[in-house]
Amino acid sequence: MVVKTQENGREVLGLRVGAANVRRYFPRSMGAVELLLGDLRIQCMLPPDFWKGQPEIRDPRLGAWLNHKVSRERINRKPIALAMEHAGGNSFTLQSVSFATKRSARLVSAVGV
């Protein structure tokens, strides 16, 4: 799924998941998600509003990681699109969309051979 960074104008605070992704990947029983950010694993609580029109994942550790990793990619302070892939249970990986696209292309070509 593609998600976007959530910003306050100066810094990245978290991720905007989108209502369609919430319906598809996040059952209401899921109270938290585990984000796998390279070697870092963080658990982020999902507030009740997550399923009621505010599909955002916010956590100070996530914001710090996003500011460090994607701040140089931000052009005109616009949100950055990222690939968030389900990794089983309530775990998800997060990576740049371009990296995820290249990885998917390699998997398809490996399967097609």
PDB file of N, CA and C in Angstrom:
ATOM      1  N   MET A   1       0.847  -1.169   0.000  1.00  0.00           N
ATOM      2  CA  MET A   1       0.000   0.000   0.000  1.00  0.00           C
ATOM      3  C   MET A   1       0.890   1.228   0.000  1.00  0.00           C
ATOM      4  N   VAL A   2       0.392   2.297  -0.553  1.00  0.00           N
ATOM      5  CA  VAL A   2       1.133   3.548  -0.572  1.00  0.00           C
ATOM      6  C   VAL A   2       0.554   4.464   0.503  1.00  0.00           C
ATOM      7  N   VAL A   3       1.429   4.998   1.342  1.00  0.00           N
ATOM      8  CA  VAL A   3       1.054   5.933   2.389  1.00  0.00           C
ATOM      9  C   VAL A   3       1.849   7.216   2.170  1.00  0.00           C
ATOM     10  N   LYS A   4       1.457   8.290   2.843  1.00  0.00           N
ATOM     11  CA  LYS A   4       2.173   9.564   2.710  1.00  0.00           C
ATOM     12  C   LYS A   4       2.576  10.079   4.077  1.00  0.00           C
ATOM     13  N   THR A   5       3.652  10.842   4.077  1.00  0.00           N
ATOM     14  CA  THR A   5       4.086  11.448   5.321  1.00  0.00           C
ATOM     15  C   THR A   5       3.062  12.483   5.767  1.00  0.00           C
ATOM     16  N   GLN A   6       2.892  12.610   7.062  1.00  0.00           N
ATOM     17  CA  GLN A   6       1.983  13.581   7.688  1.00  0.00           C
ATOM     18  C   GLN A   6       2.857  14.668   8.292  1.00  0.00           C
ATOM     19  N   GLU A   7       2.625  15.906   7.912  1.00  0.00           N
ATOM     20  CA  GLU A   7       3.502  16.996   8.336  1.00  0.00           C
ATOM     21  C   GLU A   7       2.730  18.131   8.968  1.00  0.00           C
ATOM     22  N   ASN A   8       3.446  18.967   9.722  1.00  0.00           N
ATOM     23  CA  ASN A   8       2.834  20.148  10.317  1.00  0.00           C
ATOM     24  C   ASN A   8       3.371  21.428   9.682  1.00  0.00           C
ATOM     25  N   GLY A   9       4.062  21.321   8.564  1.00  0.00           N
ATOM     26  CA  GLY A   9       4.653  22.472   7.896  1.00  0.00           C
ATOM     27  C   GLY A   9       6.149  22.563   8.111  1.00  0.00           C
ATOM     28  N   ARG A  10       6.630  22.144   9.270  1.00  0.00           N
ATOM     29  CA  ARG A  10       8.056  22.214   9.565  1.00  0.00           C
ATOM     30  C   ARG A  10       8.714  20.845   9.606  1.00  0.00           C
ATOM     31  N   GLU A  11       7.976  19.865  10.133  1.00  0.00           N
ATOM     32  CA  GLU A  11       8.572  18.548  10.315  1.00  0.00           C
ATOM     33  C   GLU A  11       7.547  17.452  10.038  1.00  0.00           C
ATOM     34  N   VAL A  12       8.062  16.259   9.825  1.00  0.00           N
ATOM     35  CA  VAL A  12       7.217  15.090   9.595  1.00  0.00           C
ATOM     36  C   VAL A  12       6.805  14.530  10.951  1.00  0.00           C
ATOM     37  N   LEU A  13       5.493  14.297  11.121  1.00  0.00           N
ATOM     38  CA  LEU A  13       4.968  13.807  12.398  1.00  0.00           C
ATOM     39  C   LEU A  13       4.621  12.328  12.375  1.00  0.00           C
ATOM     40  N   GLY A  14       4.267  11.810  11.197  1.00  0.00           N
ATOM     41  CA  GLY A  14       3.830  10.426  11.109  1.00  0.00           C
ATOM     42  C   GLY A  14       3.412  10.084   9.694  1.00  0.00           C
ATOM     43  N   LEU A  15       2.446   9.170   9.577  1.00  0.00           N
ATOM     44  CA  LEU A  15       2.005   8.665   8.274  1.00  0.00           C
ATOM     45  C   LEU A  15       0.501   8.829   8.118  1.00  0.00           C
ATOM     46  N   ARG A  16       0.081   9.218   6.942  1.00  0.00           N
ATOM     47  CA  ARG A  16      -1.340   9.232   6.581  1.00  0.00           C
ATOM     48  C   ARG A  16      -1.564   7.973   5.757  1.00  0.00           C
ATOM     49  N   VAL A  17      -2.360   7.060   6.300  1.00  0.00           N
ATOM     50  CA  VAL A  17      -2.558   5.746   5.693  1.00  0.00           C
ATOM     51  C   VAL A  17      -3.649   5.771   4.627  1.00  0.00           C
ATOM     52  N   GLY A  18      -4.694   6.530   4.840  1.00  0.00           N
ATOM     53  CA  GLY A  18      -5.808   6.573   3.896  1.00  0.00           C
ATOM     54  C   GLY A  18      -6.925   5.635   4.299  1.00  0.00           C
ATOM     55  N   ALA A  19      -8.152   6.082   4.108  1.00  0.00           N
ATOM     56  CA  ALA A  19      -9.328   5.323   4.554  1.00  0.00           C
ATOM     57  C   ALA A  19      -9.451   3.963   3.869  1.00  0.00           C
ATOM     58  N   ALA A  20      -9.174   3.894   2.571  1.00  0.00           N
ATOM     59  CA  ALA A  20      -9.283   2.612   1.855  1.00  0.00           C
ATOM     60  C   ALA A  20      -8.278   1.594   2.401  1.00  0.00           C
ATOM     61  N   ASN A  21      -7.064   2.033   2.704  1.00  0.00           N
ATOM     62  CA  ASN A  21      -6.060   1.130   3.279  1.00  0.00           C
ATOM     63  C   ASN A  21      -6.458   0.681   4.676  1.00  0.00           C
ATOM     64  N   VAL A  22      -7.060   1.579   5.447  1.00  0.00           N
ATOM     65  CA  VAL A  22      -7.516   1.207   6.789  1.00  0.00           C
ATOM     66  C   VAL A  22      -8.545   0.094   6.692  1.00  0.00           C
ATOM     67  N   ARG A  23      -9.517   0.253   5.807  1.00  0.00           N
ATOM     68  CA  ARG A  23     -10.553  -0.785   5.663  1.00  0.00           C
ATOM     69  C   ARG A  23      -9.952  -2.118   5.224  1.00  0.00           C
ATOM     70  N   ARG A  24      -8.943  -2.075   4.383  1.00  0.00           N
ATOM     71  CA  ARG A  24      -8.378  -3.310   3.824  1.00  0.00           C
ATOM     72  C   ARG A  24      -7.378  -4.012   4.740  1.00  0.00           C
ATOM     73  N   TYR A  25      -6.533  -3.257   5.423  1.00  0.00           N
ATOM     74  CA  TYR A  25      -5.402  -3.853   6.143  1.00  0.00           C
ATOM     75  C   TYR A  25      -5.452  -3.765   7.665  1.00  0.00           C
ATOM     76  N   PHE A  26      -6.375  -2.981   8.224  1.00  0.00           N
ATOM     77  CA  PHE A  26      -6.357  -2.732   9.657  1.00  0.00           C
ATOM     78  C   PHE A  26      -7.701  -3.059  10.292  1.00  0.00           C
ATOM     79  N   PRO A  27      -7.877  -4.283  10.790  1.00  0.00           N
ATOM     80  CA  PRO A  27      -9.130  -4.608  11.479  1.00  0.00           C
ATOM     81  C   PRO A  27      -9.253  -3.763  12.754  1.00  0.00           C
ATOM     82  N   ARG A  28     -10.479  -3.484  13.147  1.00  0.00           N
ATOM     83  CA  ARG A  28     -10.718  -2.655  14.342  1.00  0.00           C
ATOM     84  C   ARG A  28     -10.115  -3.276  15.604  1.00  0.00           C
ATOM     85  N   SER A  29      -9.910  -4.576  15.605  1.00  0.00           N
ATOM     86  CA  SER A  29      -9.315  -5.238  16.773  1.00  0.00           C
ATOM     87  C   SER A  29      -7.821  -4.950  16.905  1.00  0.00           C
ATOM     88  N   MET A  30      -7.211  -4.389  15.874  1.00  0.00           N
ATOM     89  CA  MET A  30      -5.781  -4.092  15.896  1.00  0.00           C
ATOM     90  C   MET A  30      -5.578  -2.773  16.651  1.00  0.00           C
ATOM     91  N   GLY A  31      -5.091  -2.854  17.858  1.00  0.00           N
ATOM     92  CA  GLY A  31      -4.905  -1.656  18.672  1.00  0.00           C
ATOM     93  C   GLY A  31      -3.585  -0.956  18.451  1.00  0.00           C
ATOM     94  N   ALA A  32      -2.642  -1.661  17.806  1.00  0.00           N
ATOM     95  CA  ALA A  32      -1.319  -1.095  17.568  1.00  0.00           C
ATOM     96  C   ALA A  32      -0.705  -1.760  16.345  1.00  0.00           C
ATOM     97  N   VAL A  33       0.265  -1.085  15.753  1.00  0.00           N
ATOM     98  CA  VAL A  33       1.025  -1.670  14.649  1.00  0.00           C
ATOM     99  C   VAL A  33       2.497  -1.677  15.038  1.00  0.00           C
ATOM    100  N   GLU A  34       3.189  -2.670  14.529  1.00  0.00           N
ATOM    101  CA  GLU A  34       4.638  -2.726  14.691  1.00  0.00           C
ATOM    102  C   GLU A  34       5.230  -2.324  13.349  1.00  0.00           C
ATOM    103  N   LEU A  35       6.016  -1.252  13.359  1.00  0.00           N
ATOM    104  CA  LEU A  35       6.656  -0.794  12.131  1.00  0.00           C
ATOM    105  C   LEU A  35       8.103  -1.254  12.125  1.00  0.00           C
ATOM    106  N   LEU A  36       8.485  -1.916  11.040  1.00  0.00           N
ATOM    107  CA  LEU A  36       9.844  -2.409  10.866  1.00  0.00           C
ATOM    108  C   LEU A  36      10.562  -1.409   9.961  1.00  0.00           C
ATOM    109  N   LEU A  37      11.443  -0.626  10.561  1.00  0.00           N
ATOM    110  CA  LEU A  37      12.122   0.462   9.862  1.00  0.00           C
ATOM    111  C   LEU A  37      13.608   0.135   9.786  1.00  0.00           C
ATOM    112  N   GLY A  38      13.967  -0.747   8.867  1.00  0.00           N
ATOM    113  CA  GLY A  38      15.342  -1.221   8.818  1.00  0.00           C
ATOM    114  C   GLY A  38      15.628  -2.051  10.051  1.00  0.00           C
ATOM    115  N   ASP A  39      16.631  -1.669  10.831  1.00  0.00           N
ATOM    116  CA  ASP A  39      16.975  -2.375  12.069  1.00  0.00           C
ATOM    117  C   ASP A  39      16.113  -1.945  13.249  1.00  0.00           C
ATOM    118  N   LEU A  40      15.326  -0.919  13.070  1.00  0.00           N
ATOM    119  CA  LEU A  40      14.494  -0.378  14.143  1.00  0.00           C
ATOM    120  C   LEU A  40      13.089  -0.955  14.089  1.00  0.00           C
ATOM    121  N   ARG A  41      12.562  -1.323  15.234  1.00  0.00           N
ATOM    122  CA  ARG A  41      11.169  -1.798  15.358  1.00  0.00           C
ATOM    123  C   ARG A  41      10.489  -0.912  16.385  1.00  0.00           C
ATOM    124  N   ILE A  42       9.369  -0.331  15.980  1.00  0.00           N
ATOM    125  CA  ILE A  42       8.626   0.457  16.956  1.00  0.00           C
ATOM    126  C   ILE A  42       7.161   0.057  16.913  1.00  0.00           C
ATOM    127  N   GLN A  43       6.537   0.100  18.062  1.00  0.00           N
ATOM    128  CA  GLN A  43       5.118  -0.196  18.149  1.00  0.00           C
ATOM    129  C   GLN A  43       4.383   1.125  18.317  1.00  0.00           C
ATOM    130  N   CYS A  44       3.403   1.359  17.458  1.00  0.00           N
ATOM    131  CA  CYS A  44       2.614   2.587  17.479  1.00  0.00           C
ATOM    132  C   CYS A  44       1.170   2.242  17.778  1.00  0.00           C
ATOM    133  N   MET A  45       0.601   2.911  18.757  1.00  0.00           N
ATOM    134  CA  MET A  45      -0.797   2.714  19.106  1.00  0.00           C
ATOM    135  C   MET A  45      -1.679   3.351  18.033  1.00  0.00           C
ATOM    136  N   LEU A  46      -2.814   2.725  17.757  1.00  0.00           N
ATOM    137  CA  LEU A  46      -3.779   3.270  16.813  1.00  0.00           C
ATOM    138  C   LEU A  46      -4.955   3.841  17.604  1.00  0.00           C
ATOM    139  N   PRO A  47      -5.156   5.156  17.543  1.00  0.00           N
ATOM    140  CA  PRO A  47      -6.255   5.759  18.309  1.00  0.00           C
ATOM    141  C   PRO A  47      -7.602   5.393  17.699  1.00  0.00           C
ATOM    142  N   PRO A  48      -8.689   5.483  18.472  1.00  0.00           N
ATOM    143  CA  PRO A  48     -10.022   5.158  17.932  1.00  0.00           C
ATOM    144  C   PRO A  48     -10.379   5.950  16.678  1.00  0.00           C
ATOM    145  N   ASP A  49      -9.892   7.178  16.570  1.00  0.00           N
ATOM    146  CA  ASP A  49     -10.189   8.001  15.391  1.00  0.00           C
ATOM    147  C   ASP A  49      -9.539   7.463  14.117  1.00  0.00           C
ATOM    148  N   PHE A  50      -8.602   6.532  14.262  1.00  0.00           N
ATOM    149  CA  PHE A  50      -7.939   5.934  13.099  1.00  0.00           C
ATOM    150  C   PHE A  50      -8.969   5.319  12.154  1.00  0.00           C
ATOM    151  N   TRP A  51     -10.031   4.745  12.692  1.00  0.00           N
ATOM    152  CA  TRP A  51     -11.072   4.104  11.892  1.00  0.00           C
ATOM    153  C   TRP A  51     -12.252   5.044  11.629  1.00  0.00           C
ATOM    154  N   LYS A  52     -12.157   6.277  12.111  1.00  0.00           N
ATOM    155  CA  LYS A  52     -13.271   7.230  11.987  1.00  0.00           C
ATOM    156  C   LYS A  52     -12.857   8.486  11.242  1.00  0.00           C
ATOM    157  N   GLY A  53     -12.155   8.323  10.136  1.00  0.00           N
ATOM    158  CA  GLY A  53     -11.834   9.470   9.291  1.00  0.00           C
ATOM    159  C   GLY A  53     -10.507  10.141   9.543  1.00  0.00           C
ATOM    160  N   GLN A  54      -9.719   9.658  10.491  1.00  0.00           N
ATOM    161  CA  GLN A  54      -8.382  10.208  10.723  1.00  0.00           C
ATOM    162  C   GLN A  54      -7.359   9.077  10.674  1.00  0.00           C
ATOM    163  N   PRO A  55      -7.151   8.503   9.487  1.00  0.00           N
ATOM    164  CA  PRO A  55      -6.269   7.333   9.343  1.00  0.00           C
ATOM    165  C   PRO A  55      -4.788   7.707   9.367  1.00  0.00           C
ATOM    166  N   GLU A  56      -4.327   8.110  10.555  1.00  0.00           N
ATOM    167  CA  GLU A  56      -2.949   8.556  10.713  1.00  0.00           C
ATOM    168  C   GLU A  56      -2.248   7.755  11.797  1.00  0.00           C
ATOM    169  N   ILE A  57      -1.002   7.427  11.539  1.00  0.00           N
ATOM    170  CA  ILE A  57      -0.156   6.780  12.538  1.00  0.00           C
ATOM    171  C   ILE A  57       0.855   7.821  12.978  1.00  0.00           C
ATOM    172  N   ARG A  58       0.792   8.184  14.254  1.00  0.00           N
ATOM    173  CA  ARG A  58       1.714   9.187  14.798  1.00  0.00           C
ATOM    174  C   ARG A  58       2.422   8.631  16.024  1.00  0.00           C
ATOM    175  N   ASP A  59       3.682   8.898  16.078  1.00  0.00           N
ATOM    176  CA  ASP A  59       4.503   8.489  17.221  1.00  0.00           C
ATOM    177  C   ASP A  59       5.771   9.334  17.151  1.00  0.00           C
ATOM    178  N   PRO A  60       6.264   9.839  18.271  1.00  0.00           N
ATOM    179  CA  PRO A  60       7.485  10.659  18.234  1.00  0.00           C
ATOM    180  C   PRO A  60       8.681   9.937  17.615  1.00  0.00           C
ATOM    181  N   ARG A  61       8.801   8.632  17.871  1.00  0.00           N
ATOM    182  CA  ARG A  61       9.933   7.870  17.302  1.00  0.00           C
ATOM    183  C   ARG A  61       9.793   7.729  15.800  1.00  0.00           C
ATOM    184  N   LEU A  62       8.563   7.493  15.328  1.00  0.00           N
ATOM    185  CA  LEU A  62       8.306   7.408  13.892  1.00  0.00           C
ATOM    186  C   LEU A  62       8.595   8.750  13.240  1.00  0.00           C
ATOM    187  N   GLY A  63       8.124   9.840  13.850  1.00  0.00           N
ATOM    188  CA  GLY A  63       8.385  11.176  13.309  1.00  0.00           C
ATOM    189  C   GLY A  63       9.872  11.465  13.206  1.00  0.00           C
ATOM    190  N   ALA A  64      10.630  11.113  14.227  1.00  0.00           N
ATOM    191  CA  ALA A  64      12.084  11.336  14.215  1.00  0.00           C
ATOM    192  C   ALA A  64      12.739  10.524  13.106  1.00  0.00           C
ATOM    193  N   TRP A  65      12.337   9.266  12.955  1.00  0.00           N
ATOM    194  CA  TRP A  65      12.905   8.412  11.907  1.00  0.00           C
ATOM    195  C   TRP A  65      12.569   8.972  10.527  1.00  0.00           C
ATOM    196  N   LEU A  66      11.315   9.368  10.336  1.00  0.00           N
ATOM    197  CA  LEU A  66      10.905   9.919   9.042  1.00  0.00           C
ATOM    198  C   LEU A  66      11.637  11.223   8.749  1.00  0.00           C
ATOM    199  N   ASN A  67      11.778  12.083   9.740  1.00  0.00           N
ATOM    200  CA  ASN A  67      12.510  13.339   9.527  1.00  0.00           C
ATOM    201  C   ASN A  67      13.943  13.070   9.112  1.00  0.00           C
ATOM    202  N   HIS A  68      14.549  12.077   9.725  1.00  0.00           N
ATOM    203  CA  HIS A  68      15.944  11.736   9.390  1.00  0.00           C
ATOM    204  C   HIS A  68      16.049  11.098   8.006  1.00  0.00           C
ATOM    205  N   LYS A  69      15.139  10.187   7.687  1.00  0.00           N
ATOM    206  CA  LYS A  69      15.244   9.411   6.446  1.00  0.00           C
ATOM    207  C   LYS A  69      14.696  10.124   5.221  1.00  0.00           C
ATOM    208  N   VAL A  70      13.605  10.864   5.353  1.00  0.00           N
ATOM    209  CA  VAL A  70      12.966  11.416   4.157  1.00  0.00           C
ATOM    210  C   VAL A  70      13.056  12.925   4.052  1.00  0.00           C
ATOM    211  N   SER A  71      13.630  13.592   5.034  1.00  0.00           N
ATOM    212  CA  SER A  71      13.669  15.053   4.984  1.00  0.00           C
ATOM    213  C   SER A  71      14.422  15.562   3.757  1.00  0.00           C
ATOM    214  N   ARG A  72      15.443  14.866   3.318  1.00  0.00           N
ATOM    215  CA  ARG A  72      16.197  15.310   2.144  1.00  0.00           C
ATOM    216  C   ARG A  72      15.437  15.063   0.847  1.00  0.00           C
ATOM    217  N   GLU A  73      14.406  14.206   0.881  1.00  0.00           N
ATOM    218  CA  GLU A  73      13.609  13.939  -0.313  1.00  0.00           C
ATOM    219  C   GLU A  73      12.449  14.918  -0.470  1.00  0.00           C
ATOM    220  N   ARG A  74      12.146  15.666   0.583  1.00  0.00           N
ATOM    221  CA  ARG A  74      11.007  16.575   0.544  1.00  0.00           C
ATOM    222  C   ARG A  74      11.307  17.749  -0.369  1.00  0.00           C
ATOM    223  N   ILE A  75      10.426  17.973  -1.316  1.00  0.00           N
ATOM    224  CA  ILE A  75      10.550  19.095  -2.239  1.00  0.00           C
ATOM    225  C   ILE A  75       9.396  20.041  -1.934  1.00  0.00           C
ATOM    226  N   ASN A  76       9.715  21.301  -1.668  1.00  0.00           N
ATOM    227  CA  ASN A  76       8.691  22.292  -1.338  1.00  0.00           C
ATOM    228  C   ASN A  76       7.814  21.847  -0.187  1.00  0.00           C
ATOM    229  N   ARG A  77       8.378  21.063   0.723  1.00  0.00           N
ATOM    230  CA  ARG A  77       7.665  20.600   1.919  1.00  0.00           C
ATOM    231  C   ARG A  77       6.391  19.814   1.598  1.00  0.00           C
ATOM    232  N   LYS A  78       6.382  19.140   0.480  1.00  0.00           N
ATOM    233  CA  LYS A  78       5.240  18.298   0.095  1.00  0.00           C
ATOM    234  C   LYS A  78       5.385  16.927   0.750  1.00  0.00           C
ATOM    235  N   PRO A  79       4.246  16.270   1.050  1.00  0.00           N
ATOM    236  CA  PRO A  79       4.325  14.913   1.619  1.00  0.00           C
ATOM    237  C   PRO A  79       5.035  13.946   0.667  1.00  0.00           C
ATOM    238  N   ILE A  80       5.713  12.988   1.249  1.00  0.00           N
ATOM    239  CA  ILE A  80       6.446  11.967   0.501  1.00  0.00           C
ATOM    240  C   ILE A  80       5.635  10.676   0.511  1.00  0.00           C
ATOM    241  N   ALA A  81       5.518  10.031  -0.640  1.00  0.00           N
ATOM    242  CA  ALA A  81       4.848   8.728  -0.725  1.00  0.00           C
ATOM    243  C   ALA A  81       5.835   7.633  -0.331  1.00  0.00           C
ATOM    244  N   LEU A  82       5.366   6.689   0.473  1.00  0.00           N
ATOM    245  CA  LEU A  82       6.177   5.557   0.922  1.00  0.00           C
ATOM    246  C   LEU A  82       5.384   4.270   0.738  1.00  0.00           C
ATOM    247  N   ALA A  83       6.092   3.172   0.543  1.00  0.00           N
ATOM    248  CA  ALA A  83       5.449   1.861   0.435  1.00  0.00           C
ATOM    249  C   ALA A  83       5.420   1.231   1.822  1.00  0.00           C
ATOM    250  N   MET A  84       4.233   0.815   2.245  1.00  0.00           N
ATOM    251  CA  MET A  84       4.062   0.149   3.526  1.00  0.00           C
ATOM    252  C   MET A  84       3.539  -1.244   3.220  1.00  0.00           C
ATOM    253  N   GLU A  85       4.359  -2.251   3.508  1.00  0.00           N
ATOM    254  CA  GLU A  85       4.007  -3.627   3.159  1.00  0.00           C
ATOM    255  C   GLU A  85       3.711  -4.440   4.405  1.00  0.00           C
ATOM    256  N   HIS A  86       2.649  -5.223   4.334  1.00  0.00           N
ATOM    257  CA  HIS A  86       2.261  -6.082   5.451  1.00  0.00           C
ATOM    258  C   HIS A  86       3.319  -7.159   5.617  1.00  0.00           C
ATOM    259  N   ALA A  87       3.794  -7.346   6.844  1.00  0.00           N
ATOM    260  CA  ALA A  87       4.844  -8.323   7.122  1.00  0.00           C
ATOM    261  C   ALA A  87       4.351  -9.413   8.060  1.00  0.00           C
ATOM    262  N   GLY A  88       3.026  -9.591   8.141  1.00  0.00           N
ATOM    263  CA  GLY A  88       2.434 -10.614   9.003  1.00  0.00           C
ATOM    264  C   GLY A  88       1.944 -10.030  10.309  1.00  0.00           C
ATOM    265  N   GLY A  89       0.830 -10.548  10.792  1.00  0.00           N
ATOM    266  CA  GLY A  89       0.258 -10.074  12.049  1.00  0.00           C
ATOM    267  C   GLY A  89      -0.048  -8.594  11.978  1.00  0.00           C
ATOM    268  N   ASN A  90       0.463  -7.855  12.951  1.00  0.00           N
ATOM    269  CA  ASN A  90       0.255  -6.413  12.934  1.00  0.00           C
ATOM    270  C   ASN A  90       1.536  -5.665  12.556  1.00  0.00           C
ATOM    271  N   SER A  91       2.445  -6.353  11.846  1.00  0.00           N
ATOM    272  CA  SER A  91       3.730  -5.773  11.456  1.00  0.00           C
ATOM    273  C   SER A  91       3.716  -5.299  10.004  1.00  0.00           C
ATOM    274  N   PHE A  92       4.402  -4.180   9.781  1.00  0.00           N
ATOM    275  CA  PHE A  92       4.513  -3.595   8.451  1.00  0.00           C
ATOM    276  C   PHE A  92       5.921  -3.062   8.258  1.00  0.00           C
ATOM    277  N   THR A  93       6.426  -3.174   7.036  1.00  0.00           N
ATOM    278  CA  THR A  93       7.701  -2.551   6.692  1.00  0.00           C
ATOM    279  C   THR A  93       7.405  -1.249   5.974  1.00  0.00           C
ATOM    280  N   LEU A  94       8.351  -0.352   6.017  1.00  0.00           N
ATOM    281  CA  LEU A  94       8.196   0.955   5.392  1.00  0.00           C
ATOM    282  C   LEU A  94       9.448   1.235   4.580  1.00  0.00           C
ATOM    283  N   GLN A  95       9.272   1.631   3.322  1.00  0.00           N
ATOM    284  CA  GLN A  95      10.410   1.939   2.455  1.00  0.00           C
ATOM    285  C   GLN A  95       9.979   2.902   1.366  1.00  0.00           C
ATOM    286  N   SER A  96      10.949   3.458   0.671  1.00  0.00           N
ATOM    287  CA  SER A  96      10.610   4.402  -0.389  1.00  0.00           C
ATOM    288  C   SER A  96       9.853   3.674  -1.492  1.00  0.00           C
ATOM    289  N   VAL A  97       8.968   4.382  -2.156  1.00  0.00           N
ATOM    290  CA  VAL A  97       8.167   3.785  -3.228  1.00  0.00           C
ATOM    291  C   VAL A  97       9.065   3.309  -4.350  1.00  0.00           C
ATOM    292  N   SER A  98      10.112   4.064  -4.685  1.00  0.00           N
ATOM    293  CA  SER A  98      11.000   3.668  -5.784  1.00  0.00           C
ATOM    294  C   SER A  98      11.715   2.368  -5.467  1.00  0.00           C
ATOM    295  N   PHE A  99      12.146   2.176  -4.204  1.00  0.00           N
ATOM    296  CA  PHE A  99      12.806   0.925  -3.820  1.00  0.00           C
ATOM    297  C   PHE A  99      11.833  -0.235  -3.895  1.00  0.00           C
ATOM    298  N   ALA A 100      10.614  -0.033  -3.411  1.00  0.00           N
ATOM    299  CA  ALA A 100       9.607  -1.096  -3.435  1.00  0.00           C
ATOM    300  C   ALA A 100       9.256  -1.471  -4.872  1.00  0.00           C
ATOM    301  N   THR A 101       9.180  -0.500  -5.768  1.00  0.00           N
ATOM    302  CA  THR A 101       8.874  -0.770  -7.171  1.00  0.00           C
ATOM    303  C   THR A 101       9.984  -1.602  -7.802  1.00  0.00           C
ATOM    304  N   LYS A 102      11.232  -1.249  -7.535  1.00  0.00           N
ATOM    305  CA  LYS A 102      12.366  -2.014  -8.074  1.00  0.00           C
ATOM    306  C   LYS A 102      12.351  -3.438  -7.528  1.00  0.00           C
ATOM    307  N   ARG A 103      12.053  -3.579  -6.227  1.00  0.00           N
ATOM    308  CA  ARG A 103      12.017  -4.904  -5.603  1.00  0.00           C
ATOM    309  C   ARG A 103      10.918  -5.755  -6.237  1.00  0.00           C
ATOM    310  N   SER A 104       9.730  -5.185  -6.451  1.00  0.00           N
ATOM    311  CA  SER A 104       8.630  -5.916  -7.071  1.00  0.00           C
ATOM    312  C   SER A 104       8.993  -6.333  -8.489  1.00  0.00           C
ATOM    313  N   ALA A 105       9.651  -5.469  -9.230  1.00  0.00           N
ATOM    314  CA  ALA A 105      10.049  -5.795 -10.596  1.00  0.00           C
ATOM    315  C   ALA A 105      11.029  -6.963 -10.598  1.00  0.00           C
ATOM    316  N   ARG A 106      11.961  -6.978  -9.639  1.00  0.00           N
ATOM    317  CA  ARG A 106      12.913  -8.088  -9.548  1.00  0.00           C
ATOM    318  C   ARG A 106      12.198  -9.383  -9.214  1.00  0.00           C
ATOM    319  N   LEU A 107      11.222  -9.318  -8.327  1.00  0.00           N
ATOM    320  CA  LEU A 107      10.478 -10.526  -7.962  1.00  0.00           C
ATOM    321  C   LEU A 107       9.700 -11.050  -9.150  1.00  0.00           C
ATOM    322  N   VAL A 108       9.066 -10.170  -9.912  1.00  0.00           N
ATOM    323  CA  VAL A 108       8.303 -10.591 -11.083  1.00  0.00           C
ATOM    324  C   VAL A 108       9.233 -11.213 -12.112  1.00  0.00           C
ATOM    325  N   SER A 109      10.397 -10.566 -12.370  1.00  0.00           N
ATOM    326  CA  SER A 109      11.297 -11.134 -13.377  1.00  0.00           C
ATOM    327  C   SER A 109      11.899 -12.448 -12.894  1.00  0.00           C
ATOM    328  N   ALA A 110      12.106 -12.606 -11.592  1.00  0.00           N
ATOM    329  CA  ALA A 110      12.630 -13.863 -11.072  1.00  0.00           C
ATOM    330  C   ALA A 110      11.605 -14.978 -11.196  1.00  0.00           C
ATOM    331  N   VAL A 111      10.326 -14.633 -10.993  1.00  0.00           N
ATOM    332  CA  VAL A 111       9.267 -15.625 -11.106  1.00  0.00           C
ATOM    333  C   VAL A 111       9.041 -15.998 -12.565  1.00  0.00           C
ATOM    334  N   GLY A 112       9.147 -15.007 -13.468  1.00  0.00           N
ATOM    335  CA  GLY A 112       8.893 -15.242 -14.877  1.00  0.00           C
ATOM    336  C   GLY A 112       9.974 -16.048 -15.577  1.00  0.00           C
ATOM    337  N   VAL A 113      11.151 -16.162 -14.966  1.00  0.00           N
ATOM    338  CA  VAL A 113      12.268 -16.865 -15.614  1.00  0.00           C
ATOM    339  C   VAL A 113      12.122 -18.361 -15.490  1.00  0.00           C
TER     340      VAL A 113
END
